[in-house]
């Protein structure tokens, strides 16, 4: 049942049904093709890959996912305000599905998971996604308004050749202190939130793992893969990427929730590809001009942003 919301909501639900069917048909086709390739080679796929196939090739599980996404559309304020184009709804639904499945993944037994994420911590044993800690210096962070940012000179030193050939001991100490401070701030903030929600030890661990997974490369990959800009691939010497994660609490109608904002800004590029131009490049072996990138103004930028809400 769709809650009362007028013609706009009914229009968006109808559009979403078609978008969702197409989404899962694509996923099922991709999984079937992957499965066939492994079988034709006589190879056994990794367990995580087989778990992914089990999700998208099982009609009953797909129907549950579809029902969950339709419920999301019915509750989403944006879907009540104006009719949304199919491309907009597709991005919204793909992102919601990706985050939902990532969250379910941390609640599953390890043998049923679709990802190989590991978790660690300072104040907790396994509350923080390891990839977040590894890449902490690459992004800007805010935990309930408290900023964590590595100075540009230290960030470039870690990412560049100096990190491979032995950066200064002082810089290494600065980076270690930064990571420790960020991890402990995240742990303290999330543990206190979970205490207020009266979560069990297991529930606290799962909440922390779910949130910090989206604050790692996984969340950024979801944003890039699901956004309407996912078929634009910028390139060129001097390309810069700035990412930021902002974690805070927010009030809801009934209680308190976690609010996570993610953004990615790419600048300083003057060439790019689209899915269509890449296809032309693959087909134009003898025509270098036809296979080249597209050009844009050096002042161009690509901006992606999403806000997530986590509730107990």
Protein backbone atom coordinates (compact mmCIF):
# COMPACT_ATOMS: atom_id res chain seq x y z
CA UNK A 1 0.00 0.00 0.00
CA UNK A 2 1.18 3.51 -0.83
CA UNK A 3 0.45 6.10 1.87
CA UNK A 4 -1.75 9.01 0.85
CA UNK A 5 0.34 11.61 -0.89
CA UNK A 6 -1.55 12.71 -3.95
CA UNK A 7 -0.95 12.49 -7.65
CA UNK A 8 2.77 13.36 -7.46
CA UNK A 9 3.59 10.40 -5.23
CA UNK A 10 1.51 8.00 -7.33
CA UNK A 11 3.32 9.20 -10.45
CA UNK A 12 6.73 8.68 -8.86
CA UNK A 13 5.79 5.24 -7.54
CA UNK A 14 4.66 4.19 -11.02
CA UNK A 15 7.91 5.46 -12.54
CA UNK A 16 9.92 3.79 -9.77
CA UNK A 17 8.33 0.41 -10.45
CA UNK A 18 9.59 0.47 -14.04
CA UNK A 19 13.02 1.75 -12.99
CA UNK A 20 13.36 -0.92 -10.29
CA UNK A 21 12.40 -3.74 -12.65
CA UNK A 22 15.02 -2.57 -15.13
CA UNK A 23 17.67 -2.17 -12.41
CA UNK A 24 17.31 -5.71 -11.12
CA UNK A 25 17.02 -7.17 -14.60
CA UNK A 26 20.40 -5.60 -15.41
CA UNK A 27 21.92 -6.94 -12.19
CA UNK A 28 20.55 -10.43 -12.82
CA UNK A 29 21.90 -10.42 -16.38
CA UNK A 30 25.34 -9.31 -15.20
CA UNK A 31 25.43 -12.00 -12.50
CA UNK A 32 24.28 -14.71 -14.92
CA UNK A 33 27.00 -13.70 -17.39
CA UNK A 34 29.66 -13.75 -14.66
CA UNK A 35 28.49 -17.13 -13.42
CA UNK A 36 28.56 -18.56 -16.96
CA UNK A 37 32.12 -17.29 -17.52
CA UNK A 38 33.38 -18.92 -14.34
CA UNK A 39 31.64 -22.18 -15.22
CA UNK A 40 32.99 -22.17 -18.79
CA UNK A 41 36.54 -21.88 -17.43
CA UNK A 42 35.93 -24.52 -14.80
CA UNK A 43 36.84 -22.02 -12.07
CA UNK A 44 35.22 -21.71 -8.67
CA UNK A 45 34.20 -18.14 -7.92
CA UNK A 46 35.11 -16.52 -4.59
CA UNK A 47 32.49 -16.93 -1.88
CA UNK A 48 31.68 -13.20 -1.91
CA UNK A 49 30.96 -13.33 -5.64
CA UNK A 50 28.74 -16.39 -5.22
CA UNK A 51 26.85 -14.60 -2.46
CA UNK A 52 26.20 -11.71 -4.84
CA UNK A 53 24.87 -14.08 -7.48
CA UNK A 54 22.64 -15.70 -4.87
CA UNK A 55 21.06 -12.32 -4.16
CA UNK A 56 20.29 -11.18 -7.70
CA UNK A 57 19.45 -14.58 -9.22
CA UNK A 58 16.95 -15.49 -6.48
CA UNK A 59 13.51 -14.21 -7.48
CA UNK A 60 12.17 -14.11 -3.92
CA UNK A 61 15.12 -12.09 -2.59
CA UNK A 62 14.87 -9.69 -5.51
CA UNK A 63 11.15 -9.18 -4.81
CA UNK A 64 11.97 -8.29 -1.20
CA UNK A 65 14.52 -5.75 -2.42
CA UNK A 66 11.98 -4.30 -4.84
CA UNK A 67 9.37 -3.98 -2.10
CA UNK A 68 11.88 -2.24 0.16
CA UNK A 69 12.73 0.30 -2.54
CA UNK A 70 9.07 1.04 -3.24
CA UNK A 71 8.59 1.66 0.47
CA UNK A 72 11.56 4.02 0.36
CA UNK A 73 9.96 5.97 -2.50
CA UNK A 74 6.66 6.20 -0.63
CA UNK A 75 8.42 7.68 2.43
CA UNK A 76 10.92 9.96 0.70
CA UNK A 77 9.96 13.67 0.89
CA UNK A 78 11.45 14.42 -2.53
CA UNK A 79 9.08 11.90 -4.10
CA UNK A 80 6.11 13.88 -2.76
CA UNK A 81 7.23 17.29 -3.99
CA UNK A 82 7.40 16.90 -7.79
CA UNK A 83 7.42 14.21 -10.49
CA UNK A 84 11.00 12.96 -10.82
CA UNK A 85 12.61 11.94 -14.13
CA UNK A 86 13.49 8.24 -14.44
CA UNK A 87 17.23 9.04 -14.42
CA UNK A 88 16.87 10.91 -11.13
CA UNK A 89 14.87 8.10 -9.55
CA UNK A 90 17.34 5.52 -10.82
CA UNK A 91 20.24 7.28 -9.09
CA UNK A 92 18.26 7.65 -5.88
CA UNK A 93 17.14 4.02 -5.88
CA UNK A 94 20.52 2.58 -6.84
CA UNK A 95 22.21 4.48 -4.04
CA UNK A 96 19.57 3.45 -1.50
CA UNK A 97 19.88 -0.18 -2.56
CA UNK A 98 23.70 -0.13 -2.42
CA UNK A 99 23.76 1.37 1.08
CA UNK A 100 21.03 -0.98 2.30
CA UNK A 101 22.89 -4.05 1.07
CA UNK A 102 26.19 -2.82 2.53
CA UNK A 103 24.43 -2.37 5.86
CA UNK A 104 22.86 -5.82 5.76
CA UNK A 105 26.27 -7.22 4.87
CA UNK A 106 27.82 -6.28 8.23
CA UNK A 107 24.91 -8.02 9.97
CA UNK A 108 25.43 -11.31 8.12
CA UNK A 109 27.66 -14.22 9.14
CA UNK A 110 31.01 -13.89 7.39
CA UNK A 111 30.31 -16.81 5.03
CA UNK A 112 27.24 -14.98 3.67
CA UNK A 113 28.85 -11.58 3.08
CA UNK A 114 29.38 -10.03 -0.35
CA UNK A 115 32.34 -7.90 0.73
CA UNK A 116 35.70 -8.58 2.37
CA UNK A 117 35.75 -5.55 4.68
CA UNK A 118 37.76 -5.77 7.88
CA UNK A 119 37.30 -3.67 11.00
CA UNK A 120 39.52 -2.46 13.81
CA UNK A 121 39.69 0.31 16.38
CA UNK A 122 41.42 1.84 19.36
CA UNK A 123 38.67 2.10 21.95
CA UNK A 124 36.72 -0.73 20.32
CA UNK A 125 38.00 -3.99 18.94
CA UNK A 126 36.30 -3.93 15.54
CA UNK A 127 34.14 -0.83 15.18
CA UNK A 128 35.88 1.14 12.41
CA UNK A 129 36.25 0.08 8.78
CA UNK A 130 39.95 -0.57 8.10
CA UNK A 131 39.79 1.17 4.72
CA UNK A 132 38.66 4.38 6.43
CA UNK A 133 41.76 4.29 8.63
CA UNK A 134 44.06 3.51 5.72
CA UNK A 135 42.73 6.39 3.58
CA UNK A 136 42.04 8.87 6.40
CA UNK A 137 44.63 11.38 5.17
CA UNK A 138 42.98 11.62 1.74
CA UNK A 139 39.74 13.25 2.92
CA UNK A 140 38.34 15.95 5.16
CA UNK A 141 36.24 14.94 8.15
CA UNK A 142 33.82 16.42 10.63
CA UNK A 143 32.48 14.57 13.67
CA UNK A 144 29.59 16.46 15.28
CA UNK A 145 31.13 19.73 14.11
CA UNK A 146 34.69 18.86 15.11
CA UNK A 147 36.95 19.10 12.03
CA UNK A 148 39.75 16.71 11.13
CA UNK A 149 41.91 17.73 8.16
CA UNK A 150 45.49 16.91 7.29
CA UNK A 151 47.52 19.94 6.12
CA UNK A 152 48.02 19.86 2.36
CA UNK A 153 51.79 19.53 2.64
CA UNK A 154 51.50 16.46 4.86
CA UNK A 155 48.74 14.93 2.74
CA UNK A 156 50.75 15.23 -0.48
CA UNK A 157 53.82 13.85 1.24
CA UNK A 158 52.01 10.71 2.34
CA UNK A 159 50.38 10.14 -1.02
CA UNK A 160 53.50 10.85 -3.06
CA UNK A 161 56.85 9.25 -3.58
CA UNK A 162 58.12 10.31 -0.18
CA UNK A 163 55.80 7.82 1.48
CA UNK A 164 57.37 5.00 -0.51
CA UNK A 165 61.00 5.99 -0.02
CA UNK A 166 60.79 6.90 3.64
CA UNK A 167 59.05 10.12 4.60
CA UNK A 168 60.38 12.02 7.55
CA UNK A 169 59.78 10.55 10.97
CA UNK A 170 58.07 13.76 12.03
CA UNK A 171 55.56 13.55 9.19
CA UNK A 172 54.83 9.92 9.99
CA UNK A 173 54.16 10.87 13.60
CA UNK A 174 51.83 13.66 12.48
CA UNK A 175 49.88 11.26 10.30
CA UNK A 176 49.67 8.60 13.01
CA UNK A 177 48.38 11.18 15.49
CA UNK A 178 45.81 12.37 12.96
CA UNK A 179 44.50 8.86 12.31
CA UNK A 180 44.40 8.05 16.01
CA UNK A 181 42.52 11.25 16.81
CA UNK A 182 39.97 10.69 14.06
CA UNK A 183 39.37 7.05 14.94
CA UNK A 184 38.96 7.76 18.65
CA UNK A 185 36.59 10.67 17.95
CA UNK A 186 34.46 8.44 15.73
CA UNK A 187 34.43 5.65 18.30
CA UNK A 188 33.47 7.96 21.17
CA UNK A 189 30.74 9.67 19.16
CA UNK A 190 29.21 6.45 17.82
CA UNK A 191 29.42 4.55 21.10
CA UNK A 192 27.66 7.40 22.93
CA UNK A 193 24.93 7.50 20.29
CA UNK A 194 24.40 3.75 20.57
CA UNK A 195 24.22 4.02 24.37
CA UNK A 196 21.46 6.62 24.09
CA UNK A 197 19.61 4.26 21.76
CA UNK A 198 20.12 1.42 24.28
CA UNK A 199 21.66 -0.86 21.66
CA UNK A 200 23.22 -4.16 22.64
CA UNK A 201 26.93 -4.79 22.21
CA UNK A 202 26.20 -6.56 18.93
CA UNK A 203 23.89 -3.78 17.77
CA UNK A 204 26.52 -1.17 18.63
CA UNK A 205 29.17 -3.02 16.65
CA UNK A 206 26.90 -3.39 13.64
CA UNK A 207 25.87 0.27 13.72
CA UNK A 208 29.49 1.41 13.91
CA UNK A 209 30.55 -0.91 11.11
CA UNK A 210 27.64 0.14 8.88
CA UNK A 211 28.31 3.86 9.33
CA UNK A 212 32.09 3.71 8.94
CA UNK A 213 31.78 1.49 5.86
CA UNK A 214 29.96 4.35 4.13
CA UNK A 215 32.72 6.69 5.38
CA UNK A 216 35.30 4.61 3.52
CA UNK A 217 36.08 3.90 -0.12
CA UNK A 218 32.90 1.82 -0.25
CA UNK A 219 30.65 4.83 0.35
CA UNK A 220 32.54 6.94 -2.17
CA UNK A 221 32.26 4.14 -4.74
CA UNK A 222 28.50 3.96 -4.13
CA UNK A 223 28.24 7.71 -4.69
CA UNK A 224 30.23 7.64 -7.92
CA UNK A 225 28.60 4.50 -9.31
CA UNK A 226 25.02 5.54 -8.56
CA UNK A 227 25.04 9.27 -9.31
CA UNK A 228 23.75 10.75 -12.55
CA UNK A 229 27.36 11.70 -13.30
CA UNK A 230 28.46 8.06 -13.21
CA UNK A 231 28.98 7.97 -16.98
CA UNK A 232 31.33 10.98 -16.99
CA UNK A 233 35.01 10.13 -16.57
CA UNK A 234 37.19 13.20 -16.13
CA UNK A 235 40.89 13.10 -16.89
CA UNK A 236 43.92 15.23 -17.59
CA UNK A 237 47.12 16.33 -15.92
CA UNK A 238 46.54 18.20 -12.68
CA UNK A 239 43.19 16.59 -11.89
CA UNK A 240 42.31 17.21 -8.25
CA UNK A 241 39.75 15.40 -6.12
CA UNK A 242 38.45 16.61 -2.79
CA UNK A 243 36.28 14.37 -0.62
CA UNK A 244 34.66 15.06 2.72
CA UNK A 245 32.56 13.19 5.26
CA UNK A 246 30.42 14.99 7.83
CA UNK A 247 28.89 12.89 10.63
CA UNK A 248 26.45 14.38 13.13
CA UNK A 249 23.22 13.68 14.98
CA UNK A 250 19.81 14.90 13.88
CA UNK A 251 16.37 14.96 15.41
CA UNK A 252 13.62 12.89 13.85
CA UNK A 253 9.89 12.87 14.49
CA UNK A 254 10.29 10.15 17.10
CA UNK A 255 13.89 10.16 18.29
CA UNK A 256 17.47 10.81 17.23
CA UNK A 257 19.37 9.58 14.18
CA UNK A 258 22.81 9.80 12.62
CA UNK A 259 23.28 12.06 9.62
CA UNK A 260 26.18 11.34 7.27
CA UNK A 261 26.94 13.70 4.39
CA UNK A 262 29.41 12.68 1.69
CA UNK A 263 30.69 14.89 -1.08
CA UNK A 264 33.24 14.56 -3.84
CA UNK A 265 34.48 17.51 -5.91
CA UNK A 266 36.73 17.05 -8.95
CA UNK A 267 38.45 20.09 -10.48
CA UNK A 268 41.42 21.11 -12.65
CA UNK A 269 40.56 18.96 -15.65
CA UNK A 270 39.96 19.89 -19.27
CA UNK A 271 39.14 16.53 -20.87
CA UNK A 272 36.64 13.81 -20.14
CA UNK A 273 35.02 10.69 -21.54
CA UNK A 274 31.46 9.44 -21.47
CA UNK A 275 30.27 5.87 -21.86
CA UNK A 276 29.48 6.70 -25.48
CA UNK A 277 32.90 8.21 -26.23
CA UNK A 278 34.65 5.23 -24.63
CA UNK A 279 32.60 2.90 -26.82
CA UNK A 280 33.61 4.92 -29.89
CA UNK A 281 37.24 4.77 -28.79
CA UNK A 282 37.05 0.99 -28.50
CA UNK A 283 35.61 0.75 -32.02
CA UNK A 284 37.94 3.26 -33.71
CA UNK A 285 41.24 1.39 -33.88
CA UNK A 286 42.33 3.21 -37.05
CA UNK A 287 40.93 6.66 -36.29
CA UNK A 288 42.76 8.38 -33.43
CA UNK A 289 40.57 11.49 -33.59
CA UNK A 290 37.37 9.50 -33.17
CA UNK A 291 38.75 7.75 -30.10
CA UNK A 292 40.05 10.81 -28.28
CA UNK A 293 38.58 12.46 -25.18
CA UNK A 294 36.06 15.27 -25.18
CA UNK A 295 37.21 18.75 -24.18
CA UNK A 296 35.79 21.17 -21.64
CA UNK A 297 36.74 24.42 -19.95
CA UNK A 298 39.60 24.18 -17.40
CA UNK A 299 37.20 25.80 -14.93
CA UNK A 300 34.80 22.85 -15.20
CA UNK A 301 34.04 20.80 -12.11
CA UNK A 302 32.20 17.61 -11.21
CA UNK A 303 30.32 17.62 -7.91
CA UNK A 304 28.61 14.67 -6.23
CA UNK A 305 26.83 14.80 -2.90
CA UNK A 306 24.62 12.56 -0.77
CA UNK A 307 23.14 12.56 2.72
CA UNK A 308 22.42 9.32 4.59
CA UNK A 309 20.39 8.77 7.73
CA UNK A 310 21.05 5.87 10.10
CA UNK A 311 18.44 5.05 12.73
CA UNK A 312 18.50 2.43 15.46
